[in-house]
Amino acid sequence: MSCYNQFMKISIIGGGQVGSTIAKQLSYEGHDITLIDSDSEIIRNLKSDVDGFLTVGNGMSPKDLLRAGFDEADVVVGVSSKDEVNLLAAQWAKKMGNPVTIARVRHPEYNSNSLDLPDGLKEIDRIINPDNLTVQSIVRLVETPGANEAFDFNDGEILLRGFIVPKDAPIVGKSLGHIRKVCDMDHFLVVAIIRDDEVIIPNGDDVIKPNDNIFVLLPKDALPLFLPLINRFVGDVNRVIISGATGVGIQLALELEKEISQVVLIDSDIKRCEQASEVLTHTQVMCGNSTQVNFLKECRVDASELFIAVSKDYEKNLITTLLARQYVNGRIMMVTSNPDLVPILNVVGPDVLINPRLLTIGTIMETIRQGRILSVYKMREQMAEALEVVLPEHSPLVGKALKTLKLPKGAIIGAVCKADGMLIPTGETVLGAKERIVVFATETAIEQLERLWR
């Protein structure tokens, strides 16, 4: 599967949060955008933000798809609210032309790796399940004590981890250059600092302050060496409570019970609890209302080092995490895709916020840009992006030392994958053709960066 061209014709089914975000960004990057949605109000609202052909129509109708030009598309993305619309539209698009097809689905039986898919679904190039992405993200965070964001590059060998810096952290008040020198650590790089809702691409003179949200690139084997710089003491997680017997909750319990001795799954719906009990052999399933303090106490919330709210009711997740905050002696995580809640959550919410919408957008963008861009991680409501890129031979970056490059403001090359392993680059590092690099960039710098490897 390959869909990388300098500019492409990209057709999108669904103008909701994911579809509109993708359309806006790809339109900004200069691609030819077509978007179809059955809701005329959604189309009307998008026309001021997206330069393309936006039309009201049925994503399951071949007639409407042809009218919208789906037969000429290089890429077709199905992100409507209905799985069947996304899947059927992708199949119709394959019959009309030869686009790369992407379908977002929520039903657990639809999986790109499934051997039982009908032939028509096997033709779809990428089936993306937000629940799977959410579980993967939470597991990475659980495995990294203190982290509030986590993503892996180079098949898990390069880690991007975000941390809120505690006021008593050993690195507080010290410059990045001093930290690297004193700790004799040349295998990590702080690629960004978020301070007062501003993204800072730092240099060696920048000083770490309490409550900074820092993002660090480092090889996998260096993580245990770096963690003490953030948290002096990090205890083990022996007991975790998962609130919500959803698809995410059950998948997450299955993963965590492999490593954590006590996993508790709670939900107010008896049928969901019964279904979860049939699947989970090493997880305690308890039925009750997570917004009631007495039930949380019954679940021994005070004896848990980790509390994760994964209900599909995001407002309920917020109430539950606020209650749990009074008792949990450890981290609290919450899942939400509601952008309206983010400002509140950043002030009074959990330690870690997992946004399935951003995870889905990043995976879709990774697939659309496939070719030279191998991975994309979206963060903080599109404020910045981390990309794993293969440098083409004709790139103006090849054969030059980093100190001679004029990268756009708001961009930094954080890691280089050479034949003998990962390298945290210096000004003297020379980039080679076909090498993988990990780039961190603010939203405004991304388009300028992409010109360097098109």
Protein backbone atom coordinates (compact mmCIF):
# COMPACT_ATOMS: atom_id res chain seq x y z
CA MET A 1 0.00 0.00 0.00
CA SER A 2 1.43 3.35 -1.01
CA CYS A 3 -0.38 6.63 -1.43
CA TYR A 4 2.29 9.28 -1.20
CA ASN A 5 2.27 11.96 -3.87
CA GLN A 6 3.18 15.62 -3.58
CA PHE A 7 -0.47 16.63 -3.81
CA MET A 8 -3.33 14.17 -3.76
CA LYS A 9 -7.05 14.05 -4.30
CA ILE A 10 -8.48 12.93 -0.97
CA SER A 11 -12.15 12.06 -0.52
CA ILE A 12 -13.67 11.92 2.97
CA ILE A 13 -16.96 10.43 4.14
CA GLY A 14 -18.11 12.10 7.35
CA GLY A 15 -17.62 15.67 8.55
CA GLY A 16 -17.63 15.07 12.30
CA GLN A 17 -14.74 15.86 14.64
CA VAL A 18 -12.29 13.47 12.95
CA GLY A 19 -13.39 14.12 9.35
CA SER A 20 -13.43 17.90 9.72
CA THR A 21 -9.99 17.97 11.40
CA ILE A 22 -8.44 15.84 8.66
CA ALA A 23 -10.11 17.91 5.93
CA LYS A 24 -8.89 21.20 7.42
CA GLN A 25 -5.30 20.03 7.81
CA LEU A 26 -5.03 18.37 4.39
CA SER A 27 -6.65 21.37 2.74
CA TYR A 28 -4.12 23.61 4.49
CA GLU A 29 -1.33 21.40 3.12
CA GLY A 30 -2.61 21.95 -0.43
CA HIS A 31 -4.35 18.66 -1.20
CA ASP A 32 -7.53 18.48 -3.29
CA ILE A 33 -10.30 17.72 -0.77
CA THR A 34 -13.75 16.26 -1.31
CA LEU A 35 -16.02 15.68 1.66
CA ILE A 36 -19.51 14.19 1.77
CA ASP A 37 -21.88 14.13 4.75
CA SER A 38 -25.61 13.58 5.13
CA ASP A 39 -25.97 16.60 7.44
CA SER A 40 -26.35 19.88 5.52
CA GLU A 41 -25.46 21.96 8.60
CA ILE A 42 -22.10 20.20 8.96
CA ILE A 43 -21.31 20.91 5.30
CA ARG A 44 -22.36 24.56 5.63
CA ASN A 45 -20.17 25.10 8.71
CA LEU A 46 -17.12 23.50 7.10
CA LYS A 47 -17.14 25.56 3.93
CA SER A 48 -15.43 28.51 5.59
CA ASP A 49 -12.54 26.34 6.83
CA VAL A 50 -11.95 23.83 4.03
CA ASP A 51 -10.95 24.70 0.48
CA GLY A 52 -12.52 21.86 -1.48
CA PHE A 53 -15.72 20.29 -2.79
CA LEU A 54 -18.09 19.77 0.14
CA THR A 55 -21.47 18.25 -0.56
CA VAL A 56 -24.50 16.72 1.12
CA GLY A 57 -24.93 13.06 0.27
CA ASN A 58 -25.15 9.43 1.36
CA GLY A 59 -21.82 7.68 1.79
CA MET A 60 -23.49 4.34 0.97
CA SER A 61 -24.84 5.59 -2.37
CA PRO A 62 -22.65 4.88 -5.44
CA LYS A 63 -24.50 7.66 -7.25
CA ASP A 64 -23.63 10.24 -4.59
CA LEU A 65 -20.03 9.04 -4.42
CA LEU A 66 -19.63 9.33 -8.20
CA ARG A 67 -21.19 12.79 -8.15
CA ALA A 68 -18.60 13.79 -5.55
CA GLY A 69 -15.75 12.48 -7.71
CA PHE A 70 -14.75 9.50 -5.56
CA ASP A 71 -13.83 7.60 -8.75
CA GLU A 72 -10.87 9.98 -9.21
CA ALA A 73 -9.60 9.89 -5.62
CA ASP A 74 -6.08 8.86 -4.62
CA VAL A 75 -7.24 8.23 -1.04
CA VAL A 76 -10.70 7.57 0.38
CA VAL A 77 -11.28 7.96 4.14
CA GLY A 78 -14.48 6.72 5.79
CA VAL A 79 -14.96 8.40 9.17
CA SER A 80 -18.73 8.80 9.47
CA SER A 81 -20.45 7.85 12.72
CA LYS A 82 -21.61 4.50 11.26
CA ASP A 83 -19.28 1.55 10.65
CA GLU A 84 -21.36 0.17 7.80
CA VAL A 85 -21.23 3.49 5.91
CA ASN A 86 -17.44 3.69 6.23
CA LEU A 87 -16.92 0.07 5.16
CA LEU A 88 -19.35 0.12 2.23
CA ALA A 89 -18.08 3.48 0.96
CA ALA A 90 -14.52 2.15 0.97
CA GLN A 91 -15.62 -0.93 -0.96
CA TRP A 92 -17.53 1.17 -3.52
CA ALA A 93 -14.46 3.39 -3.94
CA LYS A 94 -12.31 0.34 -4.72
CA LYS A 95 -14.73 -0.70 -7.45
CA MET A 96 -14.82 2.83 -8.93
CA GLY A 97 -11.06 3.33 -9.09
CA ASN A 98 -7.89 2.28 -7.32
CA PRO A 99 -7.57 4.53 -4.26
CA VAL A 100 -5.95 3.74 -0.94
CA THR A 101 -8.94 3.14 1.33
CA ILE A 102 -9.18 3.79 5.07
CA ALA A 103 -12.20 3.00 7.24
CA ARG A 104 -12.69 3.87 10.88
CA VAL A 105 -14.79 1.25 12.66
CA ARG A 106 -15.75 0.73 16.27
CA HIS A 107 -17.08 -2.83 16.22
CA PRO A 108 -14.43 -5.19 17.65
CA GLU A 109 -15.01 -7.87 14.98
CA TYR A 110 -13.79 -5.55 12.23
CA ASN A 111 -10.03 -5.74 12.37
CA SER A 112 -7.45 -5.49 9.60
CA ASN A 113 -5.67 -8.55 11.01
CA SER A 114 -8.76 -10.75 11.14
CA LEU A 115 -8.70 -13.82 8.90
CA ASP A 116 -12.48 -14.06 8.99
CA LEU A 117 -13.26 -10.82 7.18
CA PRO A 118 -15.36 -11.12 4.00
CA ASP A 119 -13.39 -10.67 0.78
CA GLY A 120 -14.86 -7.20 0.23
CA LEU A 121 -13.55 -5.95 3.57
CA LYS A 122 -10.14 -7.51 3.00
CA GLU A 123 -9.73 -5.18 0.03
CA ILE A 124 -9.82 -2.16 2.36
CA ASP A 125 -6.23 -1.04 2.93
CA ARG A 126 -6.54 0.12 6.55
CA ILE A 127 -9.25 -0.55 9.10
CA ILE A 128 -8.73 1.63 12.17
CA ASN A 129 -10.42 0.84 15.47
CA PRO A 130 -10.21 3.71 18.02
CA ASP A 131 -10.73 1.27 20.91
CA ASN A 132 -7.59 -0.67 19.96
CA LEU A 133 -5.58 2.55 19.68
CA THR A 134 -6.86 3.72 23.08
CA VAL A 135 -5.91 0.46 24.81
CA GLN A 136 -2.43 0.51 23.27
CA SER A 137 -1.92 4.08 24.45
CA ILE A 138 -3.07 3.37 28.02
CA VAL A 139 -0.84 0.29 28.28
CA ARG A 140 2.19 2.38 27.24
CA LEU A 141 1.32 4.94 29.90
CA VAL A 142 0.88 2.31 32.61
CA GLU A 143 4.29 0.90 31.70
CA THR A 144 5.91 4.34 32.08
CA PRO A 145 5.57 5.63 35.67
CA GLY A 146 4.66 9.31 35.75
CA ALA A 147 4.08 9.74 32.01
CA ASN A 148 1.02 11.61 30.77
CA GLU A 149 1.58 11.00 27.04
CA ALA A 150 3.29 8.11 25.27
CA PHE A 151 4.07 7.06 21.72
CA ASP A 152 6.58 4.67 20.15
CA PHE A 153 8.66 5.02 16.99
CA ASN A 154 10.91 2.65 15.05
CA ASP A 155 8.93 -0.44 16.08
CA GLY A 156 9.07 0.48 19.76
CA GLU A 157 12.81 1.15 19.93
CA ILE A 158 12.43 4.95 20.18
CA LEU A 159 10.08 6.35 22.82
CA LEU A 160 8.34 9.70 23.01
CA ARG A 161 7.15 10.31 26.55
CA GLY A 162 5.47 13.33 28.11
CA PHE A 163 5.76 14.22 31.81
CA ILE A 164 4.35 16.90 34.11
CA VAL A 165 7.40 17.95 36.12
CA PRO A 166 6.79 17.78 39.91
CA LYS A 167 8.03 20.71 41.96
CA ASP A 168 10.51 18.44 43.78
CA ALA A 169 11.90 16.78 40.64
CA PRO A 170 15.74 16.73 40.53
CA ILE A 171 15.73 18.60 37.19
CA VAL A 172 13.68 21.61 38.38
CA GLY A 173 15.58 24.89 38.13
CA LYS A 174 18.29 23.44 35.91
CA SER A 175 18.97 24.15 32.26
CA LEU A 176 18.73 21.34 29.72
CA GLY A 177 22.38 21.73 28.84
CA HIS A 178 23.37 21.43 32.50
CA ILE A 179 21.19 18.35 33.00
CA ARG A 180 22.74 16.49 30.07
CA LYS A 181 26.26 17.45 31.13
CA VAL A 182 25.94 16.63 34.85
CA CYS A 183 24.01 13.41 34.28
CA ASP A 184 26.43 12.36 31.54
CA MET A 185 23.41 11.37 29.46
CA ASP A 186 23.66 11.98 25.72
CA HIS A 187 20.89 9.53 24.85
CA PHE A 188 17.81 11.62 25.56
CA LEU A 189 16.50 14.91 24.23
CA VAL A 190 13.76 17.19 25.53
CA VAL A 191 12.07 18.11 22.25
CA ALA A 192 9.30 20.32 23.62
CA ILE A 193 8.06 22.10 26.71
CA ILE A 194 4.43 23.13 27.14
CA ARG A 195 4.21 26.02 29.56
CA ASP A 196 1.08 28.15 30.03
CA ASP A 197 -0.47 26.60 26.89
CA GLU A 198 2.55 27.63 24.79
CA VAL A 199 4.67 25.06 22.94
CA ILE A 200 8.39 25.83 23.35
CA ILE A 201 10.99 24.08 21.20
CA PRO A 202 13.86 24.37 23.68
CA ASN A 203 17.62 24.76 23.46
CA GLY A 204 20.33 24.03 26.01
CA ASP A 205 19.76 27.30 27.86
CA ASP A 206 16.08 26.68 28.65
CA VAL A 207 15.41 26.00 32.33
CA ILE A 208 12.90 23.41 33.56
CA LYS A 209 10.19 24.82 35.83
CA PRO A 210 7.68 23.08 38.12
CA ASN A 211 4.52 21.92 36.30
CA ASP A 212 6.18 22.12 32.88
CA ASN A 213 4.86 19.46 30.52
CA ILE A 214 8.05 18.17 28.90
CA PHE A 215 8.34 15.76 25.97
CA VAL A 216 11.38 13.52 25.80
CA LEU A 217 12.77 11.33 23.00
CA LEU A 218 14.97 8.47 24.09
CA PRO A 219 15.82 4.85 23.25
CA LYS A 220 13.78 2.19 25.00
CA ASP A 221 16.65 0.90 27.11
CA ALA A 222 17.40 4.40 28.45
CA LEU A 223 13.96 4.93 30.01
CA PRO A 224 14.83 3.43 33.45
CA LEU A 225 17.83 5.79 33.63
CA PHE A 226 15.78 8.86 32.79
CA LEU A 227 12.76 8.30 35.06
CA PRO A 228 14.57 9.19 38.35
CA LEU A 229 15.23 12.67 36.92
CA ILE A 230 11.46 13.28 36.89
CA ASN A 231 10.25 11.38 39.96
CA ARG A 232 12.45 10.67 42.97
CA PHE A 233 10.27 7.79 44.10
CA VAL A 234 7.84 5.83 41.93
CA GLY A 235 6.02 2.90 43.53
CA ASP A 236 4.83 -0.23 41.77
CA VAL A 237 1.24 -0.59 40.61
CA ASN A 238 -0.25 -3.60 42.37
CA ARG A 239 -3.93 -2.70 42.14
CA VAL A 240 -5.84 -0.90 39.39
CA ILE A 241 -9.52 0.00 39.05
CA ILE A 242 -11.02 0.37 35.56
CA SER A 243 -14.34 2.21 35.48
CA GLY A 244 -16.46 1.16 32.49
CA ALA A 245 -17.05 -2.35 31.11
CA THR A 246 -16.89 -0.99 27.58
CA GLY A 247 -14.92 -2.53 24.73
CA VAL A 248 -11.95 -0.46 25.88
CA GLY A 249 -12.45 -1.47 29.52
CA ILE A 250 -12.56 -5.19 28.79
CA GLN A 251 -9.61 -5.11 26.35
CA LEU A 252 -7.62 -3.04 28.83
CA ALA A 253 -8.35 -5.45 31.70
CA LEU A 254 -7.19 -8.36 29.53
CA GLU A 255 -3.89 -6.59 28.91
CA LEU A 256 -3.29 -5.32 32.44
CA GLU A 257 -4.13 -8.57 34.23
CA LYS A 258 -1.04 -10.06 32.55
CA GLU A 259 1.22 -7.73 34.55
CA ILE A 260 -0.75 -6.37 37.51
CA SER A 261 -1.76 -8.66 40.39
CA GLN A 262 -5.15 -7.04 41.16
CA VAL A 263 -7.32 -5.66 38.37
CA VAL A 264 -10.87 -4.52 39.19
CA LEU A 265 -13.44 -3.63 36.51
CA ILE A 266 -16.54 -1.72 37.63
CA ASP A 267 -19.75 -0.76 35.80
CA SER A 268 -23.35 0.09 36.67
CA ASP A 269 -24.87 -2.10 33.93
CA ILE A 270 -25.52 -5.70 35.04
CA LYS A 271 -25.48 -7.13 31.52
CA ARG A 272 -22.15 -5.52 30.70
CA CYS A 273 -20.71 -6.83 33.96
CA GLU A 274 -21.95 -10.35 33.16
CA GLN A 275 -20.42 -10.20 29.68
CA ALA A 276 -17.13 -8.97 31.10
CA SER A 277 -17.07 -11.76 33.70
CA GLU A 278 -17.34 -14.36 30.93
CA VAL A 279 -14.21 -13.01 29.25
CA LEU A 280 -12.00 -11.97 32.17
CA THR A 281 -10.50 -14.79 34.20
CA HIS A 282 -8.13 -12.83 36.44
CA THR A 283 -10.09 -9.59 36.85
CA GLN A 284 -12.61 -8.89 39.61
CA VAL A 285 -15.82 -7.49 38.09
CA MET A 286 -18.02 -5.39 40.39
CA CYS A 287 -21.41 -3.91 39.52
CA GLY A 288 -22.34 -0.50 40.91
CA ASN A 289 -22.44 3.25 40.31
CA SER A 290 -18.95 4.74 40.08
CA THR A 291 -20.30 8.22 40.88
CA GLN A 292 -21.28 7.09 44.37
CA VAL A 293 -18.62 7.36 47.07
CA ASN A 294 -19.87 4.34 49.04
CA PHE A 295 -19.47 2.08 46.01
CA LEU A 296 -15.98 3.37 45.32
CA LYS A 297 -15.06 2.67 48.93
CA GLU A 298 -16.50 -0.83 48.58
CA CYS A 299 -14.17 -1.31 45.61
CA ARG A 300 -11.25 -0.31 47.89
CA VAL A 301 -10.37 2.67 45.77
CA ASP A 302 -8.08 3.90 48.56
CA ALA A 303 -5.93 0.75 48.17
CA SER A 304 -5.43 1.29 44.43
CA GLU A 305 -2.39 2.92 42.85
CA LEU A 306 -4.13 3.52 39.53
CA PHE A 307 -7.68 4.48 38.53
CA ILE A 308 -8.75 4.57 34.86
CA ALA A 309 -12.14 5.90 33.69
CA VAL A 310 -13.04 4.54 30.24
CA SER A 311 -16.84 4.86 30.14
CA LYS A 312 -18.36 6.18 26.91
CA ASP A 313 -20.15 8.79 29.02
CA TYR A 314 -17.37 11.39 29.23
CA GLU A 315 -19.20 13.58 31.76
CA LYS A 316 -19.59 10.53 34.01
CA ASN A 317 -15.86 9.86 33.61
CA LEU A 318 -15.16 13.39 34.81
CA ILE A 319 -17.34 13.02 37.94
CA THR A 320 -15.85 9.60 38.68
CA THR A 321 -12.26 10.81 38.43
CA LEU A 322 -12.97 13.83 40.63
CA LEU A 323 -14.38 11.50 43.32
CA ALA A 324 -11.54 9.02 42.94
CA ARG A 325 -9.02 11.85 43.32
CA GLN A 326 -9.94 12.09 47.00
CA TYR A 327 -8.93 8.49 47.71
CA VAL A 328 -6.46 7.13 45.15
CA ASN A 329 -2.85 7.30 46.25
CA GLY A 330 -1.48 7.25 42.74
CA ARG A 331 -2.35 8.17 39.16
CA ILE A 332 -5.75 8.79 37.64
CA MET A 333 -6.40 8.42 33.91
CA MET A 334 -9.47 9.34 31.90
CA VAL A 335 -10.67 8.79 28.33
CA THR A 336 -12.52 11.57 26.50
CA SER A 337 -12.93 12.80 22.93
CA ASN A 338 -15.00 15.84 23.94
CA PRO A 339 -12.94 18.97 23.16
CA ASP A 340 -15.26 21.10 25.30
CA LEU A 341 -14.12 19.26 28.43
CA VAL A 342 -10.38 19.70 27.80
CA PRO A 343 -10.03 23.20 29.40
CA ILE A 344 -11.78 21.96 32.55
CA LEU A 345 -9.81 18.73 32.66
CA ASN A 346 -6.48 20.53 32.35
CA VAL A 347 -7.31 22.42 35.56
CA VAL A 348 -9.17 19.96 37.80
CA GLY A 349 -9.06 16.70 35.91
CA PRO A 350 -6.99 13.51 35.93
CA ASP A 351 -3.22 13.09 35.77
CA VAL A 352 -3.51 11.60 32.29
CA LEU A 353 -6.04 12.37 29.56
CA ILE A 354 -6.38 9.90 26.67
CA ASN A 355 -8.09 11.26 23.56
CA PRO A 356 -9.21 8.53 21.10
CA ARG A 357 -10.04 11.20 18.53
CA LEU A 358 -6.45 12.47 18.35
CA LEU A 359 -5.10 8.92 18.28
CA THR A 360 -7.40 8.13 15.35
CA ILE A 361 -6.48 11.31 13.47
CA GLY A 362 -2.77 10.59 13.90
CA THR A 363 -3.15 7.04 12.57
CA ILE A 364 -5.22 8.19 9.59
CA MET A 365 -2.71 10.93 8.74
CA GLU A 366 0.10 8.39 9.03
CA THR A 367 -1.67 6.17 6.48
CA ILE A 368 -2.48 9.02 4.11
CA ARG A 369 1.10 10.24 4.13
CA GLN A 370 2.47 6.71 3.89
CA GLY A 371 5.64 6.38 1.92
CA ARG A 372 8.17 8.63 3.57
CA ILE A 373 6.25 9.34 6.77
CA LEU A 374 6.08 6.16 8.86
CA SER A 375 4.42 7.38 12.06
CA VAL A 376 2.47 10.44 13.21
CA TYR A 377 1.61 11.39 16.78
CA LYS A 378 -0.85 14.23 17.36
CA MET A 379 -0.79 16.00 20.70
CA ARG A 380 -2.71 18.58 22.67
CA GLU A 381 -5.57 19.39 20.31
CA GLN A 382 -3.29 19.70 17.27
CA MET A 383 -0.79 22.03 18.96
CA ALA A 384 2.15 19.91 17.75
CA GLU A 385 3.10 16.75 15.91
CA ALA A 386 5.85 14.16 16.12
CA LEU A 387 6.70 12.43 12.85
CA GLU A 388 8.91 9.50 11.92
CA VAL A 389 10.26 10.13 8.41
CA VAL A 390 12.44 8.29 5.90
CA LEU A 391 14.66 10.83 4.15
CA PRO A 392 14.55 10.54 0.34
CA GLU A 393 17.82 10.82 -1.59
CA HIS A 394 16.80 14.15 -3.10
CA SER A 395 15.98 15.78 0.26
CA PRO A 396 17.92 19.01 0.90
CA LEU A 397 18.62 17.63 4.40
CA VAL A 398 20.78 14.75 3.09
CA GLY A 399 24.55 15.10 3.37
CA LYS A 400 24.46 18.18 5.57
CA ALA A 401 25.32 18.76 9.21
CA LEU A 402 22.37 19.81 11.36
CA LYS A 403 24.04 23.08 12.36
CA THR A 404 24.00 24.18 8.71
CA LEU A 405 20.31 23.46 8.18
CA LYS A 406 17.68 26.17 8.29
CA LEU A 407 14.76 24.36 9.84
CA PRO A 408 11.53 26.33 10.24
CA LYS A 409 10.90 27.98 13.59
CA GLY A 410 9.09 25.54 15.86
CA ALA A 411 10.81 22.37 14.56
CA ILE A 412 13.54 20.12 15.91
CA ILE A 413 15.10 16.85 14.73
CA GLY A 414 15.06 14.76 17.89
CA ALA A 415 16.45 11.40 16.82
CA VAL A 416 18.24 9.77 13.89
CA CYS A 417 18.17 6.03 13.23
CA LYS A 418 21.50 4.99 11.74
CA ALA A 419 22.80 1.53 10.92
CA ASP A 420 24.29 1.08 14.42
CA GLY A 421 21.22 2.30 16.29
CA MET A 422 19.44 5.43 17.50
CA LEU A 423 21.40 8.65 17.79
CA ILE A 424 20.43 11.84 19.59
CA PRO A 425 21.84 14.31 17.07
CA THR A 426 24.16 17.23 17.68
CA GLY A 427 25.00 20.14 15.40
CA GLU A 428 27.74 18.00 13.82
CA THR A 429 25.42 15.10 12.91
CA VAL A 430 25.18 14.54 9.13
CA LEU A 431 21.94 13.06 7.82
CA GLY A 432 22.04 10.28 5.23
CA ALA A 433 19.64 9.19 2.52
CA LYS A 434 17.02 6.62 3.57
CA GLU A 435 17.75 7.18 7.26
CA ARG A 436 14.83 7.46 9.64
CA ILE A 437 14.51 10.68 11.60
CA VAL A 438 12.03 11.67 14.29
CA VAL A 439 10.93 15.29 13.99
CA PHE A 440 8.95 17.31 16.51
CA ALA A 441 7.14 20.38 15.18
CA THR A 442 4.48 22.90 16.06
CA GLU A 443 1.39 23.11 13.88
CA THR A 444 2.67 26.14 11.96
CA ALA A 445 5.99 24.47 11.09
CA ILE A 446 4.64 21.18 9.72
CA GLU A 447 3.83 22.28 6.17
CA GLN A 448 7.25 23.92 5.72
CA LEU A 449 8.93 20.77 7.04
CA GLU A 450 7.11 18.46 4.64
CA ARG A 451 8.65 20.27 1.68
CA LEU A 452 12.04 18.96 2.86
CA TRP A 453 11.14 15.32 2.14
CA ARG A 454 8.53 15.45 -0.63
